[in-house]
């Protein structure tokens, strides 16, 4: 998921994407806690995707205020 793809989404779509990523992050944390996590790099991927979505949301919010 690229930032350019995210910039094309509306605020509602970004919010939905953020919720989905947070659920995925929670599931990965539970898998890690129980020792069932097969790909530890997924945790970093999801964390960075969440940061990317939040950045785009803040950019859009700052653009609307101007």
N, C-alpha and C. Protein backbone atom coordinates (compact mmCIF):
# COMPACT_ATOMS: atom_id res chain seq x y z
N UNK A 1 0.85 -1.17 0.00
CA UNK A 1 0.00 0.00 0.00
C UNK A 1 0.90 1.24 0.00
N UNK A 2 0.88 1.97 -1.08
CA UNK A 2 1.70 3.17 -1.22
C UNK A 2 0.96 4.39 -0.70
N UNK A 3 1.71 5.40 -0.37
CA UNK A 3 1.11 6.65 0.08
C UNK A 3 0.32 7.29 -1.06
N UNK A 4 0.79 7.12 -2.28
CA UNK A 4 0.06 7.70 -3.42
C UNK A 4 -1.30 7.04 -3.59
N UNK A 5 -1.38 5.74 -3.31
CA UNK A 5 -2.68 5.05 -3.36
C UNK A 5 -3.60 5.57 -2.26
N UNK A 6 -3.02 5.80 -1.10
CA UNK A 6 -3.82 6.28 0.03
C UNK A 6 -4.33 7.70 -0.18
N UNK A 7 -3.54 8.51 -0.86
CA UNK A 7 -3.95 9.90 -1.08
C UNK A 7 -5.18 10.00 -1.99
N UNK A 8 -5.45 8.96 -2.76
CA UNK A 8 -6.60 8.96 -3.65
C UNK A 8 -7.89 8.57 -2.92
N UNK A 9 -7.76 8.05 -1.70
CA UNK A 9 -8.94 7.61 -0.96
C UNK A 9 -9.56 8.78 -0.20
N UNK A 10 -10.84 8.63 0.10
CA UNK A 10 -11.53 9.66 0.87
C UNK A 10 -11.21 9.48 2.36
N UNK A 11 -11.63 10.42 3.17
CA UNK A 11 -11.36 10.36 4.61
C UNK A 11 -12.05 9.15 5.24
N UNK A 12 -13.25 8.83 4.79
CA UNK A 12 -13.96 7.67 5.33
C UNK A 12 -13.25 6.37 4.97
N UNK A 13 -12.77 6.28 3.73
CA UNK A 13 -12.06 5.08 3.31
C UNK A 13 -10.75 4.93 4.08
N UNK A 14 -10.08 6.05 4.36
CA UNK A 14 -8.85 5.99 5.14
C UNK A 14 -9.14 5.51 6.56
N UNK A 15 -10.24 5.98 7.12
CA UNK A 15 -10.62 5.56 8.47
C UNK A 15 -10.90 4.06 8.51
N UNK A 16 -11.58 3.55 7.50
CA UNK A 16 -11.86 2.11 7.42
C UNK A 16 -10.58 1.31 7.27
N UNK A 17 -9.66 1.81 6.46
CA UNK A 17 -8.37 1.15 6.28
C UNK A 17 -7.61 1.11 7.59
N UNK A 18 -7.65 2.21 8.32
CA UNK A 18 -6.96 2.28 9.61
C UNK A 18 -7.53 1.27 10.59
N UNK A 19 -8.85 1.14 10.62
CA UNK A 19 -9.49 0.19 11.52
C UNK A 19 -9.09 -1.25 11.15
N UNK A 20 -9.08 -1.56 9.87
CA UNK A 20 -8.68 -2.89 9.42
C UNK A 20 -7.24 -3.20 9.81
N UNK A 21 -6.35 -2.21 9.63
CA UNK A 21 -4.95 -2.41 9.97
C UNK A 21 -4.76 -2.59 11.47
N UNK A 22 -5.52 -1.87 12.27
CA UNK A 22 -5.43 -2.02 13.72
C UNK A 22 -5.90 -3.40 14.16
N UNK A 23 -6.96 -3.91 13.52
CA UNK A 23 -7.42 -5.27 13.83
C UNK A 23 -6.34 -6.29 13.46
N UNK A 24 -5.72 -6.08 12.30
CA UNK A 24 -4.65 -6.99 11.87
C UNK A 24 -3.47 -6.92 12.85
N UNK A 25 -3.15 -5.72 13.30
CA UNK A 25 -2.06 -5.56 14.26
C UNK A 25 -2.37 -6.29 15.57
N UNK A 26 -3.60 -6.17 16.02
CA UNK A 26 -4.02 -6.86 17.24
C UNK A 26 -3.88 -8.37 17.08
N UNK A 27 -4.36 -8.90 15.96
CA UNK A 27 -4.26 -10.33 15.71
C UNK A 27 -2.81 -10.80 15.66
N UNK A 28 -1.95 -10.02 15.06
CA UNK A 28 -0.53 -10.38 14.99
C UNK A 28 0.09 -10.36 16.38
N UNK A 29 -0.30 -9.39 17.21
CA UNK A 29 0.22 -9.35 18.58
C UNK A 29 -0.22 -10.57 19.38
N UNK A 30 -1.45 -11.00 19.17
CA UNK A 30 -1.95 -12.19 19.86
C UNK A 30 -1.20 -13.44 19.39
N UNK A 31 -0.95 -13.53 18.09
CA UNK A 31 -0.19 -14.65 17.55
C UNK A 31 1.22 -14.67 18.12
N UNK A 32 1.82 -13.50 18.22
CA UNK A 32 3.17 -13.40 18.77
C UNK A 32 3.19 -13.85 20.23
N UNK A 33 2.18 -13.45 20.98
CA UNK A 33 2.11 -13.81 22.39
C UNK A 33 1.94 -15.29 22.62
N UNK A 34 1.22 -15.95 21.72
CA UNK A 34 0.99 -17.39 21.87
C UNK A 34 2.05 -18.22 21.15
N UNK A 35 2.98 -17.55 20.47
CA UNK A 35 4.05 -18.26 19.78
C UNK A 35 3.64 -18.84 18.45
N UNK A 36 2.57 -18.36 17.86
CA UNK A 36 2.08 -18.88 16.59
C UNK A 36 2.42 -18.00 15.39
N UNK A 37 3.16 -16.92 15.62
CA UNK A 37 3.47 -15.98 14.54
C UNK A 37 4.50 -16.61 13.61
N UNK A 38 4.10 -16.82 12.35
CA UNK A 38 5.00 -17.47 11.39
C UNK A 38 5.93 -16.48 10.70
N UNK A 39 5.48 -15.24 10.50
CA UNK A 39 6.31 -14.24 9.84
C UNK A 39 6.40 -12.98 10.71
N UNK A 40 7.44 -12.86 11.50
CA UNK A 40 7.58 -11.71 12.39
C UNK A 40 7.66 -10.36 11.66
N UNK A 41 8.07 -10.39 10.40
CA UNK A 41 8.18 -9.13 9.65
C UNK A 41 6.81 -8.51 9.37
N UNK A 42 5.75 -9.29 9.49
CA UNK A 42 4.40 -8.77 9.26
C UNK A 42 4.05 -7.69 10.28
N UNK A 43 4.57 -7.83 11.51
CA UNK A 43 4.29 -6.84 12.55
C UNK A 43 4.82 -5.47 12.12
N UNK A 44 6.05 -5.45 11.61
CA UNK A 44 6.64 -4.19 11.15
C UNK A 44 5.90 -3.63 9.94
N UNK A 45 5.49 -4.51 9.03
CA UNK A 45 4.78 -4.06 7.83
C UNK A 45 3.47 -3.37 8.21
N UNK A 46 2.73 -3.97 9.13
CA UNK A 46 1.45 -3.40 9.53
C UNK A 46 1.65 -2.10 10.29
N UNK A 47 2.67 -2.08 11.16
CA UNK A 47 2.93 -0.85 11.92
C UNK A 47 3.27 0.31 10.99
N UNK A 48 4.07 0.05 9.97
CA UNK A 48 4.43 1.10 9.02
C UNK A 48 3.24 1.52 8.16
N UNK A 49 2.38 0.56 7.83
CA UNK A 49 1.18 0.89 7.06
C UNK A 49 0.25 1.78 7.87
N UNK A 50 0.12 1.52 9.16
CA UNK A 50 -0.70 2.37 10.04
C UNK A 50 -0.13 3.78 10.06
N UNK A 51 1.18 3.90 10.19
CA UNK A 51 1.82 5.22 10.21
C UNK A 51 1.59 5.94 8.89
N UNK A 52 1.63 5.20 7.79
CA UNK A 52 1.41 5.80 6.47
C UNK A 52 -0.01 6.34 6.35
N UNK A 53 -0.99 5.57 6.82
CA UNK A 53 -2.39 6.00 6.75
C UNK A 53 -2.59 7.24 7.62
N UNK A 54 -2.02 7.23 8.82
CA UNK A 54 -2.17 8.39 9.71
C UNK A 54 -1.53 9.64 9.12
N UNK A 55 -0.39 9.46 8.45
CA UNK A 55 0.28 10.59 7.82
C UNK A 55 -0.59 11.20 6.73
N UNK A 56 -1.17 10.37 5.91
CA UNK A 56 -2.02 10.86 4.83
C UNK A 56 -3.27 11.54 5.41
N UNK A 57 -3.82 10.97 6.49
CA UNK A 57 -4.98 11.59 7.12
C UNK A 57 -4.64 12.98 7.65
N UNK A 58 -3.45 13.12 8.26
CA UNK A 58 -3.03 14.42 8.76
C UNK A 58 -2.76 15.40 7.63
N UNK A 59 -2.21 14.92 6.53
CA UNK A 59 -1.99 15.79 5.37
C UNK A 59 -3.31 16.32 4.84
N UNK A 60 -4.29 15.44 4.74
CA UNK A 60 -5.60 15.87 4.24
C UNK A 60 -6.24 16.87 5.20
N UNK A 61 -6.11 16.61 6.50
CA UNK A 61 -6.69 17.52 7.49
C UNK A 61 -6.02 18.89 7.42
N UNK A 62 -4.70 18.91 7.26
CA UNK A 62 -3.97 20.17 7.17
C UNK A 62 -4.33 20.91 5.87
N UNK A 63 -4.56 20.17 4.80
CA UNK A 63 -4.96 20.79 3.53
C UNK A 63 -6.34 21.39 3.60
N UNK A 64 -7.23 20.77 4.37
CA UNK A 64 -8.59 21.30 4.51
C UNK A 64 -8.63 22.57 5.35
N UNK A 65 -7.70 22.68 6.29
CA UNK A 65 -7.68 23.86 7.17
C UNK A 65 -7.17 25.11 6.47
N UNK A 66 -6.38 24.91 5.43
CA UNK A 66 -5.81 26.09 4.74
C UNK A 66 -6.78 26.76 3.85
